Amino acid sequence: MAKAAPAHREQLALELLLTGKSATATVAHMAAHCGCSRRQAQRYVSAAYRFLKADIDACAIDRPAQVAKLIHVLEATCEQALMSKQFNAVVASCRELRELLGLAAD
């Protein structure tokens, strides 16, 4: 039973990410609802991201097209958040966009 818990938690992390939750929100949810530490929740989320990456790599997805789509979604999210004065969402969208584009300072 103990060995099933990590697999179940990794699956839950994957499902949360696929529904659009951010990594931070997924970690917080996992820590609050699965009875694990934030650090352990981060490990589950990392495993889910590795699975997603392997799945994308196996499908030969057009990376430039996907990046362009993500940029558009993040920019649209930022615009909608600004209009509704959801400044935390603006910051989160900008951070994700910065990370995606590699604009973070070293």
N, C-alpha and C. Protein backbone atom coordinates (compact mmCIF):
# COMPACT_ATOMS: atom_id res chain seq x y z
N MET A 1 0.83 -1.20 0.00
CA MET A 1 0.00 0.00 0.00
C MET A 1 0.86 1.25 0.00
N ALA A 2 1.96 1.22 0.74
CA ALA A 2 2.83 2.40 0.82
C ALA A 2 3.44 2.73 -0.53
N LYS A 3 3.73 1.72 -1.35
CA LYS A 3 4.31 1.97 -2.66
C LYS A 3 3.29 2.53 -3.63
N ALA A 4 2.02 2.28 -3.41
CA ALA A 4 0.98 2.80 -4.29
C ALA A 4 0.76 4.30 -4.07
N ALA A 5 1.02 4.78 -2.87
CA ALA A 5 0.78 6.19 -2.57
C ALA A 5 1.60 7.12 -3.45
N PRO A 6 2.92 6.91 -3.63
CA PRO A 6 3.66 7.82 -4.51
C PRO A 6 3.13 7.82 -5.94
N ALA A 7 2.81 6.66 -6.48
CA ALA A 7 2.28 6.60 -7.85
C ALA A 7 0.94 7.33 -7.94
N HIS A 8 0.11 7.15 -6.93
CA HIS A 8 -1.19 7.84 -6.90
C HIS A 8 -0.98 9.36 -6.81
N ARG A 9 -0.04 9.77 -5.99
CA ARG A 9 0.21 11.21 -5.82
C ARG A 9 0.82 11.82 -7.08
N GLU A 10 1.70 11.09 -7.76
CA GLU A 10 2.24 11.59 -9.02
C GLU A 10 1.13 11.72 -10.06
N GLN A 11 0.21 10.77 -10.07
CA GLN A 11 -0.93 10.83 -11.00
C GLN A 11 -1.81 12.03 -10.67
N LEU A 12 -2.05 12.29 -9.39
CA LEU A 12 -2.84 13.45 -8.98
C LEU A 12 -2.15 14.73 -9.42
N ALA A 13 -0.84 14.82 -9.22
CA ALA A 13 -0.09 16.01 -9.65
C ALA A 13 -0.23 16.20 -11.16
N LEU A 14 -0.12 15.12 -11.91
CA LEU A 14 -0.26 15.20 -13.36
C LEU A 14 -1.65 15.70 -13.73
N GLU A 15 -2.68 15.17 -13.10
CA GLU A 15 -4.05 15.59 -13.40
C GLU A 15 -4.26 17.07 -13.08
N LEU A 16 -3.70 17.53 -11.97
CA LEU A 16 -3.85 18.94 -11.61
C LEU A 16 -3.15 19.84 -12.63
N LEU A 17 -1.95 19.44 -13.04
CA LEU A 17 -1.23 20.23 -14.05
C LEU A 17 -2.00 20.25 -15.37
N LEU A 18 -2.57 19.12 -15.75
CA LEU A 18 -3.30 19.05 -17.01
C LEU A 18 -4.59 19.86 -16.99
N THR A 19 -5.12 20.14 -15.80
CA THR A 19 -6.33 20.97 -15.72
C THR A 19 -5.98 22.45 -15.72
N GLY A 20 -4.69 22.76 -15.78
CA GLY A 20 -4.29 24.16 -15.89
C GLY A 20 -3.74 24.77 -14.62
N LYS A 21 -3.66 24.01 -13.56
CA LYS A 21 -3.07 24.55 -12.32
C LYS A 21 -1.58 24.80 -12.53
N SER A 22 -1.09 25.86 -11.95
CA SER A 22 0.34 26.15 -12.02
C SER A 22 1.09 25.17 -11.13
N ALA A 23 2.39 25.11 -11.30
CA ALA A 23 3.21 24.24 -10.47
C ALA A 23 3.08 24.62 -9.00
N THR A 24 3.11 25.91 -8.72
CA THR A 24 3.00 26.39 -7.34
C THR A 24 1.67 25.99 -6.72
N ALA A 25 0.59 26.19 -7.48
CA ALA A 25 -0.74 25.83 -6.97
C ALA A 25 -0.85 24.32 -6.77
N THR A 26 -0.23 23.57 -7.67
CA THR A 26 -0.27 22.11 -7.54
C THR A 26 0.49 21.65 -6.31
N VAL A 27 1.66 22.23 -6.07
CA VAL A 27 2.44 21.89 -4.87
C VAL A 27 1.62 22.21 -3.62
N ALA A 28 1.03 23.39 -3.57
CA ALA A 28 0.23 23.78 -2.40
C ALA A 28 -0.94 22.83 -2.19
N HIS A 29 -1.62 22.47 -3.27
CA HIS A 29 -2.75 21.55 -3.17
C HIS A 29 -2.30 20.18 -2.66
N MET A 30 -1.21 19.69 -3.23
CA MET A 30 -0.70 18.38 -2.83
C MET A 30 -0.32 18.37 -1.35
N ALA A 31 0.38 19.41 -0.90
CA ALA A 31 0.80 19.47 0.50
C ALA A 31 -0.40 19.54 1.43
N ALA A 32 -1.42 20.28 1.03
CA ALA A 32 -2.59 20.46 1.89
C ALA A 32 -3.51 19.24 1.92
N HIS A 33 -3.62 18.55 0.80
CA HIS A 33 -4.62 17.48 0.70
C HIS A 33 -4.07 16.06 0.73
N CYS A 34 -2.77 15.91 0.61
CA CYS A 34 -2.20 14.56 0.57
C CYS A 34 -1.40 14.21 1.82
N GLY A 35 -1.30 15.15 2.72
CA GLY A 35 -0.58 14.87 3.95
C GLY A 35 0.92 14.70 3.76
N CYS A 36 1.48 15.40 2.79
CA CYS A 36 2.92 15.34 2.56
C CYS A 36 3.51 16.74 2.72
N SER A 37 4.82 16.81 2.84
CA SER A 37 5.48 18.10 2.97
C SER A 37 5.49 18.82 1.63
N ARG A 38 5.74 20.12 1.65
CA ARG A 38 5.85 20.87 0.40
C ARG A 38 7.00 20.33 -0.45
N ARG A 39 8.09 19.96 0.20
CA ARG A 39 9.24 19.43 -0.53
C ARG A 39 8.88 18.12 -1.24
N GLN A 40 8.16 17.25 -0.56
CA GLN A 40 7.73 16.00 -1.19
C GLN A 40 6.73 16.30 -2.31
N ALA A 41 5.85 17.25 -2.09
CA ALA A 41 4.90 17.63 -3.13
C ALA A 41 5.64 18.15 -4.36
N GLN A 42 6.73 18.91 -4.14
CA GLN A 42 7.53 19.39 -5.27
C GLN A 42 8.12 18.22 -6.05
N ARG A 43 8.51 17.17 -5.36
CA ARG A 43 9.04 15.98 -6.04
C ARG A 43 7.97 15.32 -6.90
N TYR A 44 6.74 15.24 -6.39
CA TYR A 44 5.66 14.66 -7.18
C TYR A 44 5.37 15.51 -8.42
N VAL A 45 5.38 16.82 -8.25
CA VAL A 45 5.12 17.71 -9.38
C VAL A 45 6.26 17.61 -10.40
N SER A 46 7.49 17.51 -9.93
CA SER A 46 8.63 17.33 -10.85
C SER A 46 8.48 16.04 -11.65
N ALA A 47 8.06 14.99 -10.99
CA ALA A 47 7.86 13.71 -11.69
C ALA A 47 6.75 13.84 -12.73
N ALA A 48 5.70 14.57 -12.39
CA ALA A 48 4.61 14.78 -13.35
C ALA A 48 5.09 15.58 -14.56
N TYR A 49 5.91 16.60 -14.31
CA TYR A 49 6.46 17.39 -15.43
C TYR A 49 7.38 16.53 -16.30
N ARG A 50 8.16 15.65 -15.70
CA ARG A 50 9.02 14.75 -16.49
C ARG A 50 8.17 13.85 -17.37
N PHE A 51 7.05 13.36 -16.84
CA PHE A 51 6.15 12.54 -17.62
C PHE A 51 5.58 13.34 -18.79
N LEU A 52 5.13 14.56 -18.52
CA LEU A 52 4.59 15.41 -19.58
C LEU A 52 5.63 15.66 -20.67
N LYS A 53 6.85 15.95 -20.27
CA LYS A 53 7.91 16.21 -21.24
C LYS A 53 8.18 14.99 -22.10
N ALA A 54 8.25 13.82 -21.47
CA ALA A 54 8.49 12.59 -22.22
C ALA A 54 7.34 12.32 -23.20
N ASP A 55 6.12 12.60 -22.77
CA ASP A 55 4.96 12.40 -23.64
C ASP A 55 5.01 13.34 -24.84
N ILE A 56 5.36 14.58 -24.60
CA ILE A 56 5.47 15.55 -25.70
C ILE A 56 6.60 15.16 -26.64
N ASP A 57 7.73 14.78 -26.08
CA ASP A 57 8.86 14.37 -26.92
C ASP A 57 8.50 13.17 -27.79
N ALA A 58 7.74 12.23 -27.25
CA ALA A 58 7.36 11.03 -27.99
C ALA A 58 6.38 11.33 -29.12
N CYS A 59 5.65 12.42 -29.01
CA CYS A 59 4.64 12.76 -30.02
C CYS A 59 5.18 13.61 -31.15
N ALA A 60 6.44 14.00 -31.09
CA ALA A 60 7.05 14.86 -32.11
C ALA A 60 6.21 16.12 -32.35
N ILE A 61 5.85 16.76 -31.27
CA ILE A 61 5.06 17.99 -31.35
C ILE A 61 5.94 19.11 -31.86
N ASP A 62 5.36 19.96 -32.66
CA ASP A 62 6.06 21.12 -33.21
C ASP A 62 6.33 22.11 -32.08
N ARG A 63 7.54 22.08 -31.54
CA ARG A 63 7.88 22.92 -30.38
C ARG A 63 7.69 24.42 -30.64
N PRO A 64 8.17 24.96 -31.75
CA PRO A 64 7.95 26.39 -31.97
C PRO A 64 6.46 26.78 -31.96
N ALA A 65 5.62 25.94 -32.52
CA ALA A 65 4.19 26.23 -32.52
C ALA A 65 3.63 26.18 -31.11
N GLN A 66 4.06 25.21 -30.31
CA GLN A 66 3.59 25.11 -28.94
C GLN A 66 4.06 26.29 -28.10
N VAL A 67 5.30 26.70 -28.29
CA VAL A 67 5.82 27.86 -27.56
C VAL A 67 5.04 29.11 -27.93
N ALA A 68 4.77 29.28 -29.20
CA ALA A 68 3.99 30.44 -29.65
C ALA A 68 2.60 30.42 -29.02
N LYS A 69 1.98 29.24 -28.95
CA LYS A 69 0.66 29.12 -28.34
C LYS A 69 0.72 29.47 -26.85
N LEU A 70 1.73 28.97 -26.16
CA LEU A 70 1.88 29.28 -24.74
C LEU A 70 2.09 30.77 -24.50
N ILE A 71 2.90 31.38 -25.33
CA ILE A 71 3.13 32.82 -25.20
C ILE A 71 1.81 33.56 -25.35
N HIS A 72 1.04 33.19 -26.35
CA HIS A 72 -0.25 33.84 -26.57
C HIS A 72 -1.18 33.65 -25.37
N VAL A 73 -1.25 32.43 -24.84
CA VAL A 73 -2.12 32.16 -23.69
C VAL A 73 -1.69 32.97 -22.48
N LEU A 74 -0.39 33.03 -22.22
CA LEU A 74 0.10 33.79 -21.07
C LEU A 74 -0.16 35.28 -21.23
N GLU A 75 0.03 35.80 -22.43
CA GLU A 75 -0.24 37.22 -22.66
C GLU A 75 -1.73 37.52 -22.51
N ALA A 76 -2.59 36.64 -23.03
CA ALA A 76 -4.03 36.83 -22.90
C ALA A 76 -4.46 36.75 -21.43
N THR A 77 -3.87 35.81 -20.70
CA THR A 77 -4.17 35.68 -19.28
C THR A 77 -3.78 36.94 -18.52
N CYS A 78 -2.61 37.45 -18.85
CA CYS A 78 -2.12 38.67 -18.21
C CYS A 78 -3.07 39.84 -18.50
N GLU A 79 -3.50 39.96 -19.74
CA GLU A 79 -4.42 41.04 -20.11
C GLU A 79 -5.74 40.93 -19.36
N GLN A 80 -6.31 39.75 -19.32
CA GLN A 80 -7.58 39.55 -18.62
C GLN A 80 -7.43 39.81 -17.12
N ALA A 81 -6.31 39.37 -16.56
CA ALA A 81 -6.08 39.60 -15.14
C ALA A 81 -5.94 41.09 -14.83
N LEU A 82 -5.26 41.81 -15.72
CA LEU A 82 -5.14 43.25 -15.53
C LEU A 82 -6.51 43.93 -15.56
N MET A 83 -7.33 43.53 -16.51
CA MET A 83 -8.65 44.15 -16.64
C MET A 83 -9.53 43.88 -15.44
N SER A 84 -9.35 42.71 -14.81
CA SER A 84 -10.17 42.38 -13.64
C SER A 84 -9.45 42.68 -12.32
N LYS A 85 -8.32 43.37 -12.44
CA LYS A 85 -7.53 43.80 -11.28
C LYS A 85 -7.10 42.63 -10.39
N GLN A 86 -6.75 41.54 -11.03
CA GLN A 86 -6.23 40.36 -10.34
C GLN A 86 -4.70 40.39 -10.46
N PHE A 87 -4.08 41.24 -9.67
CA PHE A 87 -2.66 41.53 -9.83
C PHE A 87 -1.76 40.33 -9.51
N ASN A 88 -2.19 39.46 -8.62
CA ASN A 88 -1.40 38.25 -8.36
C ASN A 88 -1.33 37.37 -9.61
N ALA A 89 -2.43 37.29 -10.34
CA ALA A 89 -2.46 36.51 -11.58
C ALA A 89 -1.58 37.16 -12.65
N VAL A 90 -1.54 38.49 -12.66
CA VAL A 90 -0.67 39.21 -13.61
C VAL A 90 0.79 38.84 -13.33
N VAL A 91 1.17 38.93 -12.07
CA VAL A 91 2.55 38.61 -11.69
C VAL A 91 2.88 37.16 -12.03
N ALA A 92 1.98 36.25 -11.72
CA ALA A 92 2.22 34.83 -12.01
C ALA A 92 2.37 34.59 -13.50
N SER A 93 1.52 35.21 -14.30
CA SER A 93 1.61 35.06 -15.76
C SER A 93 2.91 35.63 -16.29
N CYS A 94 3.30 36.77 -15.78
CA CYS A 94 4.56 37.39 -16.21
C CYS A 94 5.76 36.53 -15.81
N ARG A 95 5.71 35.95 -14.65
CA ARG A 95 6.81 35.07 -14.22
C ARG A 95 6.92 33.86 -15.12
N GLU A 96 5.80 33.26 -15.44
CA GLU A 96 5.80 32.09 -16.32
C GLU A 96 6.31 32.47 -17.71
N LEU A 97 5.89 33.61 -18.20
CA LEU A 97 6.34 34.09 -19.51
C LEU A 97 7.84 34.36 -19.50
N ARG A 98 8.31 34.98 -18.44
CA ARG A 98 9.75 35.25 -18.30
C ARG A 98 10.54 33.95 -18.30
N GLU A 99 10.04 32.96 -17.58
CA GLU A 99 10.72 31.66 -17.51
C GLU A 99 10.69 30.98 -18.88
N LEU A 100 9.55 31.01 -19.53
CA LEU A 100 9.43 30.38 -20.84
C LEU A 100 10.38 30.99 -21.86
N LEU A 101 10.53 32.29 -21.79
CA LEU A 101 11.38 32.99 -22.76
C LEU A 101 12.85 33.08 -22.33
N GLY A 102 13.15 32.62 -21.13
CA GLY A 102 14.51 32.65 -20.65
C GLY A 102 15.03 34.06 -20.38
N LEU A 103 14.15 34.90 -19.88
CA LEU A 103 14.53 36.30 -19.63
C LEU A 103 14.96 36.56 -18.21
N ALA A 104 14.96 35.54 -17.36
CA ALA A 104 15.36 35.73 -15.98
C ALA A 104 16.85 36.04 -15.88
N ALA A 105 17.18 36.92 -14.97
CA ALA A 105 18.59 37.26 -14.76
C ALA A 105 19.32 36.07 -14.12
N ASP A 106 20.56 35.88 -14.48
CA ASP A 106 21.33 34.76 -13.91
C ASP A 106 21.77 35.06 -12.51
